[in-house]
PDB file of all heavy atoms in Angstrom:
ATOM      1  N   GLU A   1     -14.903   0.090  -0.014  1.00  0.00           N
ATOM      2  CA  GLU A   1     -14.242   0.927   0.986  1.00  0.00           C
ATOM      3  C   GLU A   1     -12.789   1.171   0.591  1.00  0.00           C
ATOM      4  O   GLU A   1     -12.260   2.275   0.765  1.00  0.00           O
ATOM      5  CB  GLU A   1     -14.319   0.250   2.356  1.00  0.00           C
ATOM      6  CG  GLU A   1     -13.888   1.135   3.503  1.00  0.00           C
ATOM      7  CD  GLU A   1     -14.118   0.484   4.847  1.00  0.00           C
ATOM      8  OE1 GLU A   1     -14.769  -0.576   4.898  1.00  0.00           O
ATOM      9  OE2 GLU A   1     -13.630   1.035   5.843  1.00  0.00           O
ATOM     10  N   ILE A   2     -12.137   0.143   0.058  1.00  0.00           N
ATOM     11  CA  ILE A   2     -10.750   0.298  -0.403  1.00  0.00           C
ATOM     12  C   ILE A   2     -10.697   1.294  -1.562  1.00  0.00           C
ATOM     13  O   ILE A   2      -9.821   2.161  -1.620  1.00  0.00           O
ATOM     14  CB  ILE A   2     -10.167  -1.064  -0.815  1.00  0.00           C
ATOM     15  CG1 ILE A   2     -10.006  -1.972   0.414  1.00  0.00           C
ATOM     16  CG2 ILE A   2      -8.817  -0.886  -1.516  1.00  0.00           C
ATOM     17  CD1 ILE A   2      -9.634  -3.397   0.076  1.00  0.00           C
ATOM     18  N   ALA A   3     -11.657   1.173  -2.506  1.00  0.00           N
ATOM     19  CA  ALA A   3     -11.703   2.096  -3.642  1.00  0.00           C
ATOM     20  C   ALA A   3     -11.913   3.532  -3.167  1.00  0.00           C
ATOM     21  O   ALA A   3     -11.282   4.473  -3.673  1.00  0.00           O
ATOM     22  CB  ALA A   3     -12.814   1.686  -4.601  1.00  0.00           C
ATOM     23  N   LEU A   4     -12.799   3.693  -2.166  1.00  0.00           N
ATOM     24  CA  LEU A   4     -13.045   5.028  -1.638  1.00  0.00           C
ATOM     25  C   LEU A   4     -11.803   5.578  -0.947  1.00  0.00           C
ATOM     26  O   LEU A   4     -11.477   6.761  -1.070  1.00  0.00           O
ATOM     27  CB  LEU A   4     -14.229   4.992  -0.664  1.00  0.00           C
ATOM     28  CG  LEU A   4     -14.617   6.322  -0.018  1.00  0.00           C
ATOM     29  CD1 LEU A   4     -14.904   7.377  -1.067  1.00  0.00           C
ATOM     30  CD2 LEU A   4     -15.821   6.139   0.902  1.00  0.00           C
ATOM     31  N   THR A   5     -11.087   4.710  -0.229  1.00  0.00           N
ATOM     32  CA  THR A   5      -9.850   5.135   0.425  1.00  0.00           C
ATOM     33  C   THR A   5      -8.832   5.621  -0.603  1.00  0.00           C
ATOM     34  O   THR A   5      -8.155   6.634  -0.404  1.00  0.00           O
ATOM     35  CB  THR A   5      -9.260   3.981   1.259  1.00  0.00           C
ATOM     36  OG1 THR A   5     -10.215   3.561   2.241  1.00  0.00           O
ATOM     37  CG2 THR A   5      -7.975   4.408   1.955  1.00  0.00           C
ATOM     38  N   ILE A   6      -8.735   4.891  -1.722  1.00  0.00           N
ATOM     39  CA  ILE A   6      -7.811   5.302  -2.796  1.00  0.00           C
ATOM     40  C   ILE A   6      -8.210   6.674  -3.343  1.00  0.00           C
ATOM     41  O   ILE A   6      -7.361   7.541  -3.597  1.00  0.00           O
ATOM     42  CB  ILE A   6      -7.797   4.247  -3.914  1.00  0.00           C
ATOM     43  CG1 ILE A   6      -7.175   2.936  -3.392  1.00  0.00           C
ATOM     44  CG2 ILE A   6      -7.025   4.755  -5.131  1.00  0.00           C
ATOM     45  CD1 ILE A   6      -7.284   1.782  -4.364  1.00  0.00           C
ATOM     46  N   LEU A   7      -9.529   6.893  -3.516  1.00  0.00           N
ATOM     47  CA  LEU A   7     -10.012   8.193  -3.990  1.00  0.00           C
ATOM     48  C   LEU A   7      -9.626   9.301  -3.010  1.00  0.00           C
ATOM     49  O   LEU A   7      -9.150  10.373  -3.422  1.00  0.00           O
ATOM     50  CB  LEU A   7     -11.529   8.153  -4.173  1.00  0.00           C
ATOM     51  CG  LEU A   7     -12.208   9.501  -4.480  1.00  0.00           C
ATOM     52  CD1 LEU A   7     -11.717  10.056  -5.811  1.00  0.00           C
ATOM     53  CD2 LEU A   7     -13.730   9.349  -4.471  1.00  0.00           C
ATOM     54  N   LEU A   8      -9.826   9.037  -1.720  1.00  0.00           N
ATOM     55  CA  LEU A   8      -9.511  10.053  -0.712  1.00  0.00           C
ATOM     56  C   LEU A   8      -8.013  10.344  -0.677  1.00  0.00           C
ATOM     57  O   LEU A   8      -7.601  11.500  -0.527  1.00  0.00           O
ATOM     58  CB  LEU A   8      -9.992   9.582   0.665  1.00  0.00           C
ATOM     59  CG  LEU A   8     -11.501   9.334   0.809  1.00  0.00           C
ATOM     60  CD1 LEU A   8     -11.842   8.957   2.246  1.00  0.00           C
ATOM     61  CD2 LEU A   8     -12.301  10.545   0.372  1.00  0.00           C
ATOM     62  N   VAL A   9      -7.214   9.297  -0.807  1.00  0.00           N
ATOM     63  CA  VAL A   9      -5.757   9.491  -0.843  1.00  0.00           C
ATOM     64  C   VAL A   9      -5.372  10.318  -2.068  1.00  0.00           C
ATOM     65  O   VAL A   9      -4.534  11.229  -1.989  1.00  0.00           O
ATOM     66  CB  VAL A   9      -5.027   8.133  -0.851  1.00  0.00           C
ATOM     67  CG1 VAL A   9      -3.537   8.328  -1.125  1.00  0.00           C
ATOM     68  CG2 VAL A   9      -5.222   7.418   0.476  1.00  0.00           C
ATOM     69  N   GLY A  10      -6.005  10.025  -3.216  1.00  0.00           N
ATOM     70  CA  GLY A  10      -5.721  10.783  -4.435  1.00  0.00           C
ATOM     71  C   GLY A  10      -6.048  12.258  -4.280  1.00  0.00           C
ATOM     72  O   GLY A  10      -5.259  13.135  -4.671  1.00  0.00           O
ATOM     73  N   LEU A  11      -7.223  12.538  -3.684  1.00  0.00           N
ATOM     74  CA  LEU A  11      -7.595  13.934  -3.453  1.00  0.00           C
ATOM     75  C   LEU A  11      -6.629  14.615  -2.495  1.00  0.00           C
ATOM     76  O   LEU A  11      -6.276  15.791  -2.674  1.00  0.00           O
ATOM     77  CB  LEU A  11      -9.022  13.999  -2.895  1.00  0.00           C
ATOM     78  CG  LEU A  11     -10.155  13.636  -3.858  1.00  0.00           C
ATOM     79  CD1 LEU A  11     -11.486  13.610  -3.138  1.00  0.00           C
ATOM     80  CD2 LEU A  11     -10.203  14.620  -5.024  1.00  0.00           C
ATOM     81  N   THR A  12      -6.182  13.878  -1.495  1.00  0.00           N
ATOM     82  CA  THR A  12      -5.236  14.443  -0.534  1.00  0.00           C
ATOM     83  C   THR A  12      -3.921  14.809  -1.216  1.00  0.00           C
ATOM     84  O   THR A  12      -3.357  15.887  -0.981  1.00  0.00           O
ATOM     85  CB  THR A  12      -4.975  13.432   0.609  1.00  0.00           C
ATOM     86  OG1 THR A  12      -6.216  13.116   1.246  1.00  0.00           O
ATOM     87  CG2 THR A  12      -4.015  14.003   1.641  1.00  0.00           C
ATOM     88  N   ILE A  13      -3.443  13.914  -2.079  1.00  0.00           N
ATOM     89  CA  ILE A  13      -2.187  14.178  -2.801  1.00  0.00           C
ATOM     90  C   ILE A  13      -2.339  15.403  -3.716  1.00  0.00           C
ATOM     91  O   ILE A  13      -1.437  16.257  -3.804  1.00  0.00           O
ATOM     92  CB  ILE A  13      -1.767  12.943  -3.621  1.00  0.00           C
ATOM     93  CG1 ILE A  13      -1.392  11.794  -2.670  1.00  0.00           C
ATOM     94  CG2 ILE A  13      -0.598  13.275  -4.543  1.00  0.00           C
ATOM     95  CD1 ILE A  13      -1.134  10.481  -3.373  1.00  0.00           C
ATOM     96  N   ILE A  14      -3.491  15.516  -4.378  1.00  0.00           N
ATOM     97  CA  ILE A  14      -3.732  16.670  -5.251  1.00  0.00           C
ATOM     98  C   ILE A  14      -3.648  17.973  -4.462  1.00  0.00           C
ATOM     99  O   ILE A  14      -3.016  18.955  -4.893  1.00  0.00           O
ATOM    100  CB  ILE A  14      -5.108  16.538  -5.940  1.00  0.00           C
ATOM    101  CG1 ILE A  14      -5.074  15.409  -6.971  1.00  0.00           C
ATOM    102  CG2 ILE A  14      -5.512  17.863  -6.610  1.00  0.00           C
ATOM    103  CD1 ILE A  14      -6.435  15.074  -7.558  1.00  0.00           C
ATOM    104  N   PHE A  15      -4.273  17.978  -3.267  1.00  0.00           N
ATOM    105  CA  PHE A  15      -4.264  19.204  -2.465  1.00  0.00           C
ATOM    106  C   PHE A  15      -2.898  19.462  -1.829  1.00  0.00           C
ATOM    107  O   PHE A  15      -2.585  20.601  -1.482  1.00  0.00           O
ATOM    108  CB  PHE A  15      -5.364  19.152  -1.405  1.00  0.00           C
ATOM    109  CG  PHE A  15      -6.725  19.473  -1.945  1.00  0.00           C
ATOM    110  CD1 PHE A  15      -7.729  18.517  -1.972  1.00  0.00           C
ATOM    111  CD2 PHE A  15      -6.990  20.731  -2.448  1.00  0.00           C
ATOM    112  CE1 PHE A  15      -8.978  18.814  -2.483  1.00  0.00           C
ATOM    113  CE2 PHE A  15      -8.248  21.042  -2.964  1.00  0.00           C
ATOM    114  CZ  PHE A  15      -9.246  20.077  -2.992  1.00  0.00           C
ATOM    115  N   VAL A  16      -2.086  18.405  -1.674  1.00  0.00           N
ATOM    116  CA  VAL A  16      -0.710  18.618  -1.220  1.00  0.00           C
ATOM    117  C   VAL A  16       0.035  19.480  -2.239  1.00  0.00           C
ATOM    118  O   VAL A  16       0.684  20.485  -1.889  1.00  0.00           O
ATOM    119  CB  VAL A  16       0.020  17.271  -1.017  1.00  0.00           C
ATOM    120  CG1 VAL A  16       1.525  17.509  -0.884  1.00  0.00           C
ATOM    121  CG2 VAL A  16      -0.496  16.563   0.228  1.00  0.00           C
ATOM    122  N   PHE A  17      -0.089  19.097  -3.516  1.00  0.00           N
ATOM    123  CA  PHE A  17       0.582  19.868  -4.569  1.00  0.00           C
ATOM    124  C   PHE A  17      -0.034  21.257  -4.719  1.00  0.00           C
ATOM    125  O   PHE A  17       0.678  22.248  -4.923  1.00  0.00           O
ATOM    126  CB  PHE A  17       0.526  19.116  -5.902  1.00  0.00           C
ATOM    127  CG  PHE A  17       1.433  17.926  -5.962  1.00  0.00           C
ATOM    128  CD1 PHE A  17       0.927  16.632  -5.911  1.00  0.00           C
ATOM    129  CD2 PHE A  17       2.808  18.090  -6.043  1.00  0.00           C
ATOM    130  CE1 PHE A  17       1.765  15.532  -5.959  1.00  0.00           C
ATOM    131  CE2 PHE A  17       3.659  16.995  -6.099  1.00  0.00           C
ATOM    132  CZ  PHE A  17       3.146  15.709  -6.048  1.00  0.00           C
ATOM    133  N   ALA A  18      -1.366  21.315  -4.611  1.00  0.00           N
ATOM    134  CA  ALA A  18      -2.035  22.610  -4.754  1.00  0.00           C
ATOM    135  C   ALA A  18      -1.597  23.575  -3.656  1.00  0.00           C
ATOM    136  O   ALA A  18      -1.323  24.757  -3.910  1.00  0.00           O
ATOM    137  CB  ALA A  18      -3.545  22.420  -4.725  1.00  0.00           C
ATOM    138  N   THR A  19      -1.509  23.060  -2.431  1.00  0.00           N
ATOM    139  CA  THR A  19      -1.105  23.916  -1.309  1.00  0.00           C
ATOM    140  C   THR A  19       0.369  24.289  -1.407  1.00  0.00           C
ATOM    141  O   THR A  19       0.759  25.421  -1.070  1.00  0.00           O
ATOM    142  CB  THR A  19      -1.377  23.194   0.027  1.00  0.00           C
ATOM    143  OG1 THR A  19      -2.743  22.765   0.070  1.00  0.00           O
ATOM    144  CG2 THR A  19      -1.110  24.120   1.209  1.00  0.00           C
ATOM    145  N   ALA A  20       1.191  23.350  -1.859  1.00  0.00           N
ATOM    146  CA  ALA A  20       2.638  23.603  -1.940  1.00  0.00           C
ATOM    147  C   ALA A  20       2.973  24.705  -2.940  1.00  0.00           C
ATOM    148  O   ALA A  20       4.024  25.358  -2.833  1.00  0.00           O
ATOM    149  CB  ALA A  20       3.362  22.314  -2.318  1.00  0.00           C
ATOM    150  N   THR A  21       2.096  24.944  -3.916  1.00  0.00           N
ATOM    151  CA  THR A  21       2.375  25.984  -4.919  1.00  0.00           C
ATOM    152  C   THR A  21       1.942  27.373  -4.467  1.00  0.00           C
ATOM    153  O   THR A  21       2.310  28.371  -5.106  1.00  0.00           O
ATOM    154  CB  THR A  21       1.656  25.648  -6.240  1.00  0.00           C
ATOM    155  OG1 THR A  21       0.232  25.587  -6.008  1.00  0.00           O
ATOM    156  CG2 THR A  21       2.129  24.322  -6.805  1.00  0.00           C
ATOM    157  N   ILE A  22       1.177  27.463  -3.398  1.00  0.00           N
ATOM    158  CA  ILE A  22       0.647  28.759  -2.957  1.00  0.00           C
ATOM    159  C   ILE A  22       1.745  29.741  -2.550  1.00  0.00           C
ATOM    160  O   ILE A  22       1.682  30.930  -2.900  1.00  0.00           O
ATOM    161  CB  ILE A  22      -0.384  28.552  -1.831  1.00  0.00           C
ATOM    162  CG1 ILE A  22      -1.657  27.933  -2.420  1.00  0.00           C
ATOM    163  CG2 ILE A  22      -0.704  29.876  -1.133  1.00  0.00           C
ATOM    164  CD1 ILE A  22      -2.722  27.602  -1.394  1.00  0.00           C
ATOM    165  N   PRO A  23       2.795  29.310  -1.788  1.00  0.00           N
ATOM    166  CA  PRO A  23       3.829  30.284  -1.388  1.00  0.00           C
ATOM    167  C   PRO A  23       4.466  31.005  -2.567  1.00  0.00           C
ATOM    168  O   PRO A  23       4.796  32.195  -2.468  1.00  0.00           O
ATOM    169  CB  PRO A  23       4.849  29.410  -0.651  1.00  0.00           C
ATOM    170  CG  PRO A  23       4.052  28.281  -0.113  1.00  0.00           C
ATOM    171  CD  PRO A  23       3.025  28.005  -1.172  1.00  0.00           C
ATOM    172  N   SER A  24       4.635  30.323  -3.690  1.00  0.00           N
ATOM    173  CA  SER A  24       5.258  30.981  -4.843  1.00  0.00           C
ATOM    174  C   SER A  24       4.370  32.085  -5.398  1.00  0.00           C
ATOM    175  O   SER A  24       4.855  33.157  -5.801  1.00  0.00           O
ATOM    176  CB  SER A  24       5.571  29.953  -5.929  1.00  0.00           C
ATOM    177  OG  SER A  24       4.381  29.332  -6.374  1.00  0.00           O
ATOM    178  N   TYR A  25       3.047  31.853  -5.401  1.00  0.00           N
ATOM    179  CA  TYR A  25       2.137  32.897  -5.859  1.00  0.00           C
ATOM    180  C   TYR A  25       2.144  34.087  -4.903  1.00  0.00           C
ATOM    181  O   TYR A  25       2.090  35.248  -5.326  1.00  0.00           O
ATOM    182  CB  TYR A  25       0.712  32.342  -5.985  1.00  0.00           C
ATOM    183  CG  TYR A  25       0.518  31.431  -7.169  1.00  0.00           C
ATOM    184  CD1 TYR A  25       0.457  30.050  -7.004  1.00  0.00           C
ATOM    185  CD2 TYR A  25       0.406  31.944  -8.453  1.00  0.00           C
ATOM    186  CE1 TYR A  25       0.285  29.213  -8.085  1.00  0.00           C
ATOM    187  CE2 TYR A  25       0.232  31.107  -9.552  1.00  0.00           C
ATOM    188  CZ  TYR A  25       0.175  29.739  -9.364  1.00  0.00           C
ATOM    189  OH  TYR A  25       0.013  28.902 -10.446  1.00  0.00           O
ATOM    190  N   ALA A  26       2.193  33.764  -3.582  1.00  0.00           N
ATOM    191  CA  ALA A  26       2.231  34.840  -2.584  1.00  0.00           C
ATOM    192  C   ALA A  26       3.516  35.659  -2.721  1.00  0.00           C
ATOM    193  O   ALA A  26       3.497  36.889  -2.640  1.00  0.00           O
ATOM    194  CB  ALA A  26       2.116  34.251  -1.180  1.00  0.00           C
ATOM    195  N   ALA A  27       4.649  34.960  -2.939  1.00  0.00           N
ATOM    196  CA  ALA A  27       5.929  35.657  -3.104  1.00  0.00           C
ATOM    197  C   ALA A  27       5.914  36.530  -4.351  1.00  0.00           C
ATOM    198  O   ALA A  27       6.452  37.651  -4.359  1.00  0.00           O
ATOM    199  CB  ALA A  27       7.068  34.647  -3.168  1.00  0.00           C
ATOM    200  N   TYR A  28       5.295  36.032  -5.409  1.00  0.00           N
ATOM    201  CA  TYR A  28       5.207  36.802  -6.653  1.00  0.00           C
ATOM    202  C   TYR A  28       4.434  38.102  -6.441  1.00  0.00           C
ATOM    203  O   TYR A  28       4.730  39.129  -7.067  1.00  0.00           O
ATOM    204  CB  TYR A  28       4.527  35.954  -7.725  1.00  0.00           C
ATOM    205  CG  TYR A  28       4.339  36.660  -9.046  1.00  0.00           C
ATOM    206  CD1 TYR A  28       5.417  36.831  -9.916  1.00  0.00           C
ATOM    207  CD2 TYR A  28       3.092  37.159  -9.414  1.00  0.00           C
ATOM    208  CE1 TYR A  28       5.253  37.487 -11.126  1.00  0.00           C
ATOM    209  CE2 TYR A  28       2.922  37.815 -10.621  1.00  0.00           C
ATOM    210  CZ  TYR A  28       4.010  37.974 -11.490  1.00  0.00           C
ATOM    211  OH  TYR A  28       3.828  38.627 -12.685  1.00  0.00           O
ATOM    212  N   ALA A  29       3.426  38.017  -5.514  1.00  0.00           N
ATOM    213  CA  ALA A  29       2.625  39.204  -5.230  1.00  0.00           C
ATOM    214  C   ALA A  29       3.269  40.089  -4.175  1.00  0.00           C
ATOM    215  O   ALA A  29       2.695  41.091  -3.761  1.00  0.00           O
ATOM    216  CB  ALA A  29       1.226  38.792  -4.771  1.00  0.00           C
ATOM    217  N   GLY A  30       4.455  39.682  -3.691  1.00  0.00           N
ATOM    218  CA  GLY A  30       5.163  40.494  -2.716  1.00  0.00           C
ATOM    219  C   GLY A  30       4.766  40.222  -1.283  1.00  0.00           C
ATOM    220  O   GLY A  30       5.041  41.038  -0.390  1.00  0.00           O
ATOM    221  N   GLY A  31       4.132  39.108  -1.018  1.00  0.00           N
ATOM    222  CA  GLY A  31       3.735  38.759   0.345  1.00  0.00           C
ATOM    223  C   GLY A  31       4.319  37.427   0.759  1.00  0.00           C
ATOM    224  O   GLY A  31       5.160  36.850   0.071  1.00  0.00           O
ATOM    225  N   ALA A  32       3.865  36.931   1.907  1.00  0.00           N
ATOM    226  CA  ALA A  32       4.335  35.641   2.423  1.00  0.00           C
ATOM    227  C   ALA A  32       3.224  34.989   3.239  1.00  0.00           C
ATOM    228  O   ALA A  32       2.397  35.679   3.850  1.00  0.00           O
ATOM    229  CB  ALA A  32       5.585  35.824   3.280  1.00  0.00           C
ATOM    230  N   ILE A  33       3.198  33.659   3.224  1.00  0.00           N
ATOM    231  CA  ILE A  33       2.212  32.884   3.990  1.00  0.00           C
ATOM    232  C   ILE A  33       2.968  31.904   4.870  1.00  0.00           C
ATOM    233  O   ILE A  33       3.859  31.191   4.400  1.00  0.00           O
ATOM    234  CB  ILE A  33       1.247  32.122   3.059  1.00  0.00           C
ATOM    235  CG1 ILE A  33       0.403  33.114   2.244  1.00  0.00           C
ATOM    236  CG2 ILE A  33       0.323  31.217   3.857  1.00  0.00           C
ATOM    237  CD1 ILE A  33      -0.572  32.461   1.308  1.00  0.00           C
ATOM    238  N   SER A  34       2.611  31.862   6.148  1.00  0.00           N
ATOM    239  CA  SER A  34       3.301  30.977   7.084  1.00  0.00           C
ATOM    240  C   SER A  34       2.928  29.523   6.831  1.00  0.00           C
ATOM    241  O   SER A  34       1.877  29.222   6.243  1.00  0.00           O
ATOM    242  CB  SER A  34       2.953  31.352   8.524  1.00  0.00           C
ATOM    243  OG  SER A  34       1.603  31.017   8.805  1.00  0.00           O
ATOM    244  N   VAL A  35       3.802  28.645   7.304  1.00  0.00           N
ATOM    245  CA  VAL A  35       3.552  27.208   7.153  1.00  0.00           C
ATOM    246  C   VAL A  35       2.291  26.807   7.907  1.00  0.00           C
ATOM    247  O   VAL A  35       1.506  25.966   7.446  1.00  0.00           O
ATOM    248  CB  VAL A  35       4.770  26.403   7.655  1.00  0.00           C
ATOM    249  CG1 VAL A  35       4.457  24.903   7.633  1.00  0.00           C
ATOM    250  CG2 VAL A  35       5.993  26.704   6.821  1.00  0.00           C
ATOM    251  N   VAL A  36       2.060  27.399   9.069  1.00  0.00           N
ATOM    252  CA  VAL A  36       0.871  27.067   9.865  1.00  0.00           C
ATOM    253  C   VAL A  36      -0.402  27.389   9.088  1.00  0.00           C
ATOM    254  O   VAL A  36      -1.362  26.599   9.070  1.00  0.00           O
ATOM    255  CB  VAL A  36       0.900  27.826  11.209  1.00  0.00           C
ATOM    256  CG1 VAL A  36      -0.429  27.618  11.958  1.00  0.00           C
ATOM    257  CG2 VAL A  36       2.063  27.360  12.066  1.00  0.00           C
ATOM    258  N   VAL A  37      -0.419  28.526   8.432  1.00  0.00           N
ATOM    259  CA  VAL A  37      -1.590  28.903   7.636  1.00  0.00           C
ATOM    260  C   VAL A  37      -1.767  27.945   6.458  1.00  0.00           C
ATOM    261  O   VAL A  37      -2.884  27.529   6.127  1.00  0.00           O
ATOM    262  CB  VAL A  37      -1.464  30.350   7.143  1.00  0.00           C
ATOM    263  CG1 VAL A  37      -2.567  30.671   6.131  1.00  0.00           C
ATOM    264  CG2 VAL A  37      -1.537  31.317   8.311  1.00  0.00           C
ATOM    265  N   LEU A  38      -0.658  27.582   5.818  1.00  0.00           N
ATOM    266  CA  LEU A  38      -0.737  26.630   4.707  1.00  0.00           C
ATOM    267  C   LEU A  38      -1.290  25.284   5.158  1.00  0.00           C
ATOM    268  O   LEU A  38      -2.110  24.670   4.478  1.00  0.00           O
ATOM    269  CB  LEU A  38       0.648  26.448   4.081  1.00  0.00           C
ATOM    270  CG  LEU A  38       1.165  27.572   3.194  1.00  0.00           C
ATOM    271  CD1 LEU A  38       2.596  27.288   2.761  1.00  0.00           C
ATOM    272  CD2 LEU A  38       0.267  27.744   1.979  1.00  0.00           C
TER     273      LEU A  38
END
């Protein structure tokens, strides 16, 4: 269970970085995404 928790935390951290990079792509395309949507 501890190992699984570590895996879930790792996946969560990965998606934190993945989501944090989205606004820059949207800005590059000339748009914007709200924090709530992110």
